[in-house]
């Protein structure tokens, strides 16, 4: 029988193709990439911390806690990318954080990672602070002020759109809330001074990156 001798280069090529095919089918890593921009002006943001957290199977059941899967930061064009080991996940979430911006958090579709590289762009909003001082002196113990924000979107539990009420003869208190920058924040005030009731709606424009103060006297 005649034996056909294959050139060494041909054999190596076959091995290389087989290895590439195995890696493609095996899918040893998950991959994600995207760009982070300012939500208002669309400018790209560099130095943004980007983290993917995973909720994994522990002792045969899905755990309630999240673990770090991938951490990176954006380059000078606002781009980020990262990979992590393939395994079974109950959930994945993406976190983005930058100084003077409000953190962003979103859920990732686990199934989408089976199709290869996932692209996930992120938009961050500038932060601002609204500082409101409520001031009332030499009033009676029955005087009352009620206050509520009407449309604010807060980044912490320190403030809410619920009503707050102060009732005393003398009040001098300040609340400071972290809000989305370059936006009007609307609020409503209701007062009872002696026997006179009053109510009004007003707003304050909160410039980005600074604290905007407003005195509310009654």
C-alpha atoms as a PDB file:
ATOM      1  CA  UNK A   1       0.000   0.000   0.000  1.00  0.00           C
ATOM      2  CA  UNK A   2       1.309   3.410  -0.901  1.00  0.00           C
ATOM      3  CA  UNK A   3       1.708   5.798   2.035  1.00  0.00           C
ATOM      4  CA  UNK A   4       1.070   9.494   1.452  1.00  0.00           C
ATOM      5  CA  UNK A   5       3.424  11.764   3.342  1.00  0.00           C
ATOM      6  CA  UNK A   6       1.903  15.063   4.367  1.00  0.00           C
ATOM      7  CA  UNK A   7       4.156  18.114   4.703  1.00  0.00           C
ATOM      8  CA  UNK A   8       4.791  19.172   8.293  1.00  0.00           C
ATOM      9  CA  UNK A   9       3.236  22.589   7.653  1.00  0.00           C
ATOM     10  CA  UNK A  10      -0.029  20.932   6.606  1.00  0.00           C
ATOM     11  CA  UNK A  11      -0.150  18.865   9.797  1.00  0.00           C
ATOM     12  CA  UNK A  12       0.476  21.925  11.955  1.00  0.00           C
ATOM     13  CA  UNK A  13      -2.285  23.813  10.156  1.00  0.00           C
ATOM     14  CA  UNK A  14      -4.776  21.036  10.885  1.00  0.00           C
ATOM     15  CA  UNK A  15      -3.808  21.054  14.561  1.00  0.00           C
ATOM     16  CA  UNK A  16      -4.171  24.838  14.761  1.00  0.00           C
ATOM     17  CA  UNK A  17      -7.643  24.747  13.211  1.00  0.00           C
ATOM     18  CA  UNK A  18      -8.694  22.053  15.660  1.00  0.00           C
ATOM     19  CA  UNK A  19      -7.461  24.053  18.643  1.00  0.00           C
ATOM     20  CA  UNK A  20      -9.258  27.210  17.477  1.00  0.00           C
ATOM     21  CA  UNK A  21     -12.473  25.259  16.956  1.00  0.00           C
ATOM     22  CA  UNK A  22     -12.241  23.767  20.438  1.00  0.00           C
ATOM     23  CA  UNK A  23     -11.750  27.183  22.003  1.00  0.00           C
ATOM     24  CA  UNK A  24     -14.667  28.620  20.070  1.00  0.00           C
ATOM     25  CA  UNK A  25     -16.967  25.778  21.060  1.00  0.00           C
ATOM     26  CA  UNK A  26     -15.730  25.596  24.624  1.00  0.00           C
ATOM     27  CA  UNK A  27     -16.367  29.260  25.334  1.00  0.00           C
ATOM     28  CA  UNK A  28     -13.983  29.511  28.297  1.00  0.00           C
ATOM     29  CA  UNK A  29     -14.742  33.196  28.941  1.00  0.00           C
ATOM     30  CA  UNK A  30     -17.566  35.673  28.946  1.00  0.00           C
ATOM     31  CA  UNK A  31     -16.756  39.040  27.377  1.00  0.00           C
ATOM     32  CA  UNK A  32     -18.302  42.494  27.645  1.00  0.00           C
ATOM     33  CA  UNK A  33     -17.402  45.875  26.162  1.00  0.00           C
ATOM     34  CA  UNK A  34     -18.968  49.283  25.791  1.00  0.00           C
ATOM     35  CA  UNK A  35     -18.618  53.013  26.209  1.00  0.00           C
ATOM     36  CA  UNK A  36     -19.530  55.336  29.096  1.00  0.00           C
ATOM     37  CA  UNK A  37     -20.896  58.781  28.283  1.00  0.00           C
ATOM     38  CA  UNK A  38     -22.407  61.760  30.071  1.00  0.00           C
ATOM     39  CA  UNK A  39     -26.171  61.293  29.955  1.00  0.00           C
ATOM     40  CA  UNK A  40     -26.838  64.961  29.204  1.00  0.00           C
ATOM     41  CA  UNK A  41     -24.201  66.080  26.721  1.00  0.00           C
ATOM     42  CA  UNK A  42     -23.018  62.735  25.332  1.00  0.00           C
ATOM     43  CA  UNK A  43     -19.341  63.392  26.081  1.00  0.00           C
ATOM     44  CA  UNK A  44     -17.281  60.284  26.743  1.00  0.00           C
ATOM     45  CA  UNK A  45     -16.052  59.790  30.312  1.00  0.00           C
ATOM     46  CA  UNK A  46     -12.640  58.429  31.157  1.00  0.00           C
ATOM     47  CA  UNK A  47     -11.601  56.907  34.475  1.00  0.00           C
ATOM     48  CA  UNK A  48     -15.013  55.401  35.183  1.00  0.00           C
ATOM     49  CA  UNK A  49     -14.894  52.291  37.387  1.00  0.00           C
ATOM     50  CA  UNK A  50     -16.861  49.490  35.708  1.00  0.00           C
ATOM     51  CA  UNK A  51     -17.638  46.282  37.616  1.00  0.00           C
ATOM     52  CA  UNK A  52     -19.589  43.159  36.681  1.00  0.00           C
ATOM     53  CA  UNK A  53     -20.965  41.227  39.643  1.00  0.00           C
ATOM     54  CA  UNK A  54     -22.258  37.659  39.502  1.00  0.00           C
ATOM     55  CA  UNK A  55     -24.776  35.678  41.513  1.00  0.00           C
ATOM     56  CA  UNK A  56     -23.453  32.130  41.363  1.00  0.00           C
ATOM     57  CA  UNK A  57     -24.457  28.620  42.314  1.00  0.00           C
ATOM     58  CA  UNK A  58     -23.216  27.697  45.792  1.00  0.00           C
ATOM     59  CA  UNK A  59     -23.618  24.152  47.166  1.00  0.00           C
ATOM     60  CA  UNK A  60     -26.109  23.360  44.451  1.00  0.00           C
ATOM     61  CA  UNK A  61     -28.313  26.423  44.976  1.00  0.00           C
ATOM     62  CA  UNK A  62     -28.193  30.015  43.787  1.00  0.00           C
ATOM     63  CA  UNK A  63     -26.742  32.272  46.451  1.00  0.00           C
ATOM     64  CA  UNK A  64     -28.326  35.589  47.430  1.00  0.00           C
ATOM     65  CA  UNK A  65     -25.088  37.559  47.476  1.00  0.00           C
ATOM     66  CA  UNK A  66     -23.145  38.958  44.534  1.00  0.00           C
ATOM     67  CA  UNK A  67     -19.447  38.417  43.874  1.00  0.00           C
ATOM     68  CA  UNK A  68     -17.026  40.350  41.717  1.00  0.00           C
ATOM     69  CA  UNK A  69     -16.680  38.849  38.249  1.00  0.00           C
ATOM     70  CA  UNK A  70     -14.766  41.573  36.403  1.00  0.00           C
ATOM     71  CA  UNK A  71     -13.364  45.026  37.207  1.00  0.00           C
ATOM     72  CA  UNK A  72     -11.929  47.595  34.840  1.00  0.00           C
ATOM     73  CA  UNK A  73     -12.027  51.315  34.037  1.00  0.00           C
ATOM     74  CA  UNK A  74     -12.682  53.374  30.936  1.00  0.00           C
ATOM     75  CA  UNK A  75      -9.868  54.705  28.766  1.00  0.00           C
ATOM     76  CA  UNK A  76      -9.521  58.282  27.464  1.00  0.00           C
ATOM     77  CA  UNK A  77     -12.217  57.566  24.882  1.00  0.00           C
ATOM     78  CA  UNK A  78     -14.674  56.283  27.474  1.00  0.00           C
ATOM     79  CA  UNK A  79     -14.315  52.668  26.317  1.00  0.00           C
ATOM     80  CA  UNK A  80     -14.114  49.633  28.588  1.00  0.00           C
ATOM     81  CA  UNK A  81     -13.866  45.876  28.108  1.00  0.00           C
ATOM     82  CA  UNK A  82     -13.330  42.783  30.220  1.00  0.00           C
ATOM     83  CA  UNK A  83     -13.644  39.026  30.445  1.00  0.00           C
ATOM     84  CA  UNK A  84     -14.273  36.464  33.189  1.00  0.00           C
ATOM     85  CA  UNK A  85     -14.509  32.692  33.480  1.00  0.00           C
ATOM     86  CA  UNK A  86     -17.603  30.996  32.104  1.00  0.00           C
ATOM     87  CA  UNK A  87     -19.829  29.335  34.721  1.00  0.00           C
ATOM     88  CA  UNK A  88     -23.484  29.108  35.709  1.00  0.00           C
ATOM     89  CA  UNK A  89     -24.953  32.391  36.927  1.00  0.00           C
ATOM     90  CA  UNK A  90     -28.302  33.171  38.493  1.00  0.00           C
ATOM     91  CA  UNK A  91     -27.861  36.844  37.626  1.00  0.00           C
ATOM     92  CA  UNK A  92     -25.345  39.413  36.465  1.00  0.00           C
ATOM     93  CA  UNK A  93     -25.322  43.141  37.146  1.00  0.00           C
ATOM     94  CA  UNK A  94     -23.207  46.004  35.850  1.00  0.00           C
ATOM     95  CA  UNK A  95     -22.044  48.836  38.103  1.00  0.00           C
ATOM     96  CA  UNK A  96     -20.412  52.089  36.998  1.00  0.00           C
ATOM     97  CA  UNK A  97     -18.987  54.751  39.301  1.00  0.00           C
ATOM     98  CA  UNK A  98     -17.176  58.055  38.814  1.00  0.00           C
ATOM     99  CA  UNK A  99     -16.503  60.930  41.180  1.00  0.00           C
ATOM    100  CA  UNK A 100     -19.090  63.753  40.886  1.00  0.00           C
ATOM    101  CA  UNK A 101     -21.463  61.486  38.955  1.00  0.00           C
ATOM    102  CA  UNK A 102     -24.386  59.405  40.168  1.00  0.00           C
ATOM    103  CA  UNK A 103     -23.646  55.691  40.167  1.00  0.00           C
ATOM    104  CA  UNK A 104     -25.338  53.546  37.538  1.00  0.00           C
ATOM    105  CA  UNK A 105     -26.520  49.981  38.068  1.00  0.00           C
ATOM    106  CA  UNK A 106     -28.229  47.710  35.547  1.00  0.00           C
ATOM    107  CA  UNK A 107     -29.068  44.028  35.170  1.00  0.00           C
ATOM    108  CA  UNK A 108     -27.433  42.033  32.384  1.00  0.00           C
ATOM    109  CA  UNK A 109     -29.183  39.340  30.376  1.00  0.00           C
ATOM    110  CA  UNK A 110     -27.291  36.148  31.230  1.00  0.00           C
ATOM    111  CA  UNK A 111     -28.521  34.375  28.092  1.00  0.00           C
ATOM    112  CA  UNK A 112     -27.038  37.017  25.804  1.00  0.00           C
ATOM    113  CA  UNK A 113     -23.512  35.998  26.797  1.00  0.00           C
ATOM    114  CA  UNK A 114     -23.910  32.620  25.099  1.00  0.00           C
ATOM    115  CA  UNK A 115     -23.812  34.418  21.744  1.00  0.00           C
ATOM    116  CA  UNK A 116     -20.332  35.899  22.272  1.00  0.00           C
ATOM    117  CA  UNK A 117     -19.220  39.425  23.085  1.00  0.00           C
ATOM    118  CA  UNK A 118     -21.918  41.534  24.749  1.00  0.00           C
ATOM    119  CA  UNK A 119     -21.976  45.293  24.134  1.00  0.00           C
ATOM    120  CA  UNK A 120     -23.383  47.408  26.965  1.00  0.00           C
ATOM    121  CA  UNK A 121     -23.125  51.192  26.834  1.00  0.00           C
ATOM    122  CA  UNK A 122     -23.564  53.210  30.039  1.00  0.00           C
ATOM    123  CA  UNK A 123     -24.848  56.740  30.665  1.00  0.00           C
ATOM    124  CA  UNK A 124     -23.960  58.610  33.857  1.00  0.00           C
ATOM    125  CA  UNK A 125     -25.715  61.693  35.252  1.00  0.00           C
ATOM    126  CA  UNK A 126     -23.918  64.594  36.904  1.00  0.00           C
ATOM    127  CA  UNK A 127     -24.548  64.978  40.620  1.00  0.00           C
ATOM    128  CA  UNK A 128     -25.740  68.063  42.472  1.00  0.00           C
ATOM    129  CA  UNK A 129     -26.867  68.886  45.988  1.00  0.00           C
ATOM    130  CA  UNK A 130     -29.961  70.754  47.149  1.00  0.00           C
ATOM    131  CA  UNK A 131     -29.633  72.261  50.620  1.00  0.00           C
ATOM    132  CA  UNK A 132     -32.888  73.618  52.065  1.00  0.00           C
ATOM    133  CA  UNK A 133     -32.986  75.501  55.359  1.00  0.00           C
ATOM    134  CA  UNK A 134     -36.309  75.768  57.227  1.00  0.00           C
ATOM    135  CA  UNK A 135     -36.387  78.725  59.604  1.00  0.00           C
ATOM    136  CA  UNK A 136     -39.097  79.900  61.987  1.00  0.00           C
ATOM    137  CA  UNK A 137     -38.509  81.851  65.201  1.00  0.00           C
ATOM    138  CA  UNK A 138     -40.682  83.191  68.007  1.00  0.00           C
ATOM    139  CA  UNK A 139     -43.754  81.314  66.856  1.00  0.00           C
ATOM    140  CA  UNK A 140     -46.297  79.446  68.924  1.00  0.00           C
ATOM    141  CA  UNK A 141     -46.088  75.733  69.664  1.00  0.00           C
ATOM    142  CA  UNK A 142     -49.047  75.158  67.340  1.00  0.00           C
ATOM    143  CA  UNK A 143     -47.293  76.612  64.273  1.00  0.00           C
ATOM    144  CA  UNK A 144     -46.598  73.940  61.693  1.00  0.00           C
ATOM    145  CA  UNK A 145     -44.765  73.505  58.400  1.00  0.00           C
ATOM    146  CA  UNK A 146     -45.132  70.562  56.019  1.00  0.00           C
ATOM    147  CA  UNK A 147     -42.806  70.079  53.077  1.00  0.00           C
ATOM    148  CA  UNK A 148     -42.451  67.645  50.199  1.00  0.00           C
ATOM    149  CA  UNK A 149     -40.459  67.347  47.002  1.00  0.00           C
ATOM    150  CA  UNK A 150     -42.709  66.775  44.007  1.00  0.00           C
ATOM    151  CA  UNK A 151     -40.514  65.471  41.207  1.00  0.00           C
ATOM    152  CA  UNK A 152     -37.026  64.856  42.595  1.00  0.00           C
ATOM    153  CA  UNK A 153     -35.009  61.782  41.683  1.00  0.00           C
ATOM    154  CA  UNK A 154     -32.714  61.042  44.613  1.00  0.00           C
ATOM    155  CA  UNK A 155     -29.582  58.950  44.767  1.00  0.00           C
ATOM    156  CA  UNK A 156     -29.834  58.061  48.460  1.00  0.00           C
ATOM    157  CA  UNK A 157     -32.387  57.272  51.146  1.00  0.00           C
ATOM    158  CA  UNK A 158     -31.602  60.542  52.955  1.00  0.00           C
ATOM    159  CA  UNK A 159     -34.414  62.299  51.071  1.00  0.00           C
ATOM    160  CA  UNK A 160     -37.692  61.281  49.489  1.00  0.00           C
ATOM    161  CA  UNK A 161     -40.804  62.689  47.834  1.00  0.00           C
ATOM    162  CA  UNK A 162     -42.786  62.073  51.025  1.00  0.00           C
ATOM    163  CA  UNK A 163     -44.097  64.742  53.348  1.00  0.00           C
ATOM    164  CA  UNK A 164     -42.054  66.039  56.296  1.00  0.00           C
ATOM    165  CA  UNK A 165     -43.645  68.065  59.092  1.00  0.00           C
ATOM    166  CA  UNK A 166     -42.144  70.321  61.781  1.00  0.00           C
ATOM    167  CA  UNK A 167     -44.238  71.674  64.628  1.00  0.00           C
ATOM    168  CA  UNK A 168     -42.669  73.935  67.233  1.00  0.00           C
ATOM    169  CA  UNK A 169     -42.263  77.544  68.217  1.00  0.00           C
ATOM    170  CA  UNK A 170     -38.654  77.790  67.025  1.00  0.00           C
ATOM    171  CA  UNK A 171     -37.217  75.786  64.129  1.00  0.00           C
ATOM    172  CA  UNK A 172     -33.905  76.106  62.342  1.00  0.00           C
ATOM    173  CA  UNK A 173     -33.101  72.928  60.443  1.00  0.00           C
ATOM    174  CA  UNK A 174     -31.460  72.070  57.127  1.00  0.00           C
ATOM    175  CA  UNK A 175     -31.815  69.070  54.855  1.00  0.00           C
ATOM    176  CA  UNK A 176     -29.302  68.332  52.089  1.00  0.00           C
ATOM    177  CA  UNK A 177     -30.164  65.946  49.260  1.00  0.00           C
ATOM    178  CA  UNK A 178     -28.061  64.528  46.435  1.00  0.00           C
ATOM    179  CA  UNK A 179     -29.957  65.000  43.196  1.00  0.00           C
ATOM    180  CA  UNK A 180     -29.418  64.882  39.440  1.00  0.00           C
ATOM    181  CA  UNK A 181     -27.529  67.983  38.287  1.00  0.00           C
ATOM    182  CA  UNK A 182     -28.709  70.753  35.960  1.00  0.00           C
ATOM    183  CA  UNK A 183     -32.359  70.137  36.741  1.00  0.00           C
ATOM    184  CA  UNK A 184     -35.256  71.931  38.376  1.00  0.00           C
ATOM    185  CA  UNK A 185     -36.390  70.363  41.638  1.00  0.00           C
ATOM    186  CA  UNK A 186     -39.985  71.208  42.494  1.00  0.00           C
ATOM    187  CA  UNK A 187     -41.366  71.270  46.032  1.00  0.00           C
ATOM    188  CA  UNK A 188     -44.523  72.183  47.938  1.00  0.00           C
ATOM    189  CA  UNK A 189     -44.805  73.975  51.291  1.00  0.00           C
ATOM    190  CA  UNK A 190     -47.842  74.079  53.566  1.00  0.00           C
ATOM    191  CA  UNK A 191     -47.839  76.221  56.710  1.00  0.00           C
ATOM    192  CA  UNK A 192     -50.095  76.872  59.658  1.00  0.00           C
ATOM    193  CA  UNK A 193     -49.183  80.089  61.475  1.00  0.00           C
ATOM    194  CA  UNK A 194     -51.651  80.745  64.278  1.00  0.00           C
ATOM    195  CA  UNK A 195     -54.957  80.176  62.529  1.00  0.00           C
ATOM    196  CA  UNK A 196     -53.773  81.065  59.004  1.00  0.00           C
ATOM    197  CA  UNK A 197     -53.201  78.231  56.535  1.00  0.00           C
ATOM    198  CA  UNK A 198     -51.185  78.678  53.355  1.00  0.00           C
ATOM    199  CA  UNK A 199     -49.756  76.486  50.629  1.00  0.00           C
ATOM    200  CA  UNK A 200     -47.496  77.139  47.666  1.00  0.00           C
ATOM    201  CA  UNK A 201     -45.379  75.339  45.080  1.00  0.00           C
ATOM    202  CA  UNK A 202     -41.885  76.491  44.164  1.00  0.00           C
ATOM    203  CA  UNK A 203     -38.735  75.077  42.590  1.00  0.00           C
ATOM    204  CA  UNK A 204     -34.983  75.379  42.731  1.00  0.00           C
ATOM    205  CA  UNK A 205     -32.519  74.837  39.890  1.00  0.00           C
ATOM    206  CA  UNK A 206     -29.649  72.601  40.987  1.00  0.00           C
ATOM    207  CA  UNK A 207     -26.475  73.266  39.021  1.00  0.00           C
ATOM    208  CA  UNK A 208     -24.242  70.235  38.486  1.00  0.00           C
ATOM    209  CA  UNK A 209     -21.281  69.603  40.788  1.00  0.00           C
ATOM    210  CA  UNK A 210     -22.244  72.245  43.372  1.00  0.00           C
ATOM    211  CA  UNK A 211     -24.574  72.705  46.345  1.00  0.00           C
ATOM    212  CA  UNK A 212     -27.542  75.006  45.758  1.00  0.00           C
ATOM    213  CA  UNK A 213     -28.955  76.525  48.952  1.00  0.00           C
ATOM    214  CA  UNK A 214     -32.440  77.873  49.588  1.00  0.00           C
ATOM    215  CA  UNK A 215     -33.897  79.369  52.782  1.00  0.00           C
ATOM    216  CA  UNK A 216     -37.547  78.641  53.495  1.00  0.00           C
ATOM    217  CA  UNK A 217     -38.850  80.970  56.190  1.00  0.00           C
ATOM    218  CA  UNK A 218     -42.316  80.751  57.629  1.00  0.00           C
END
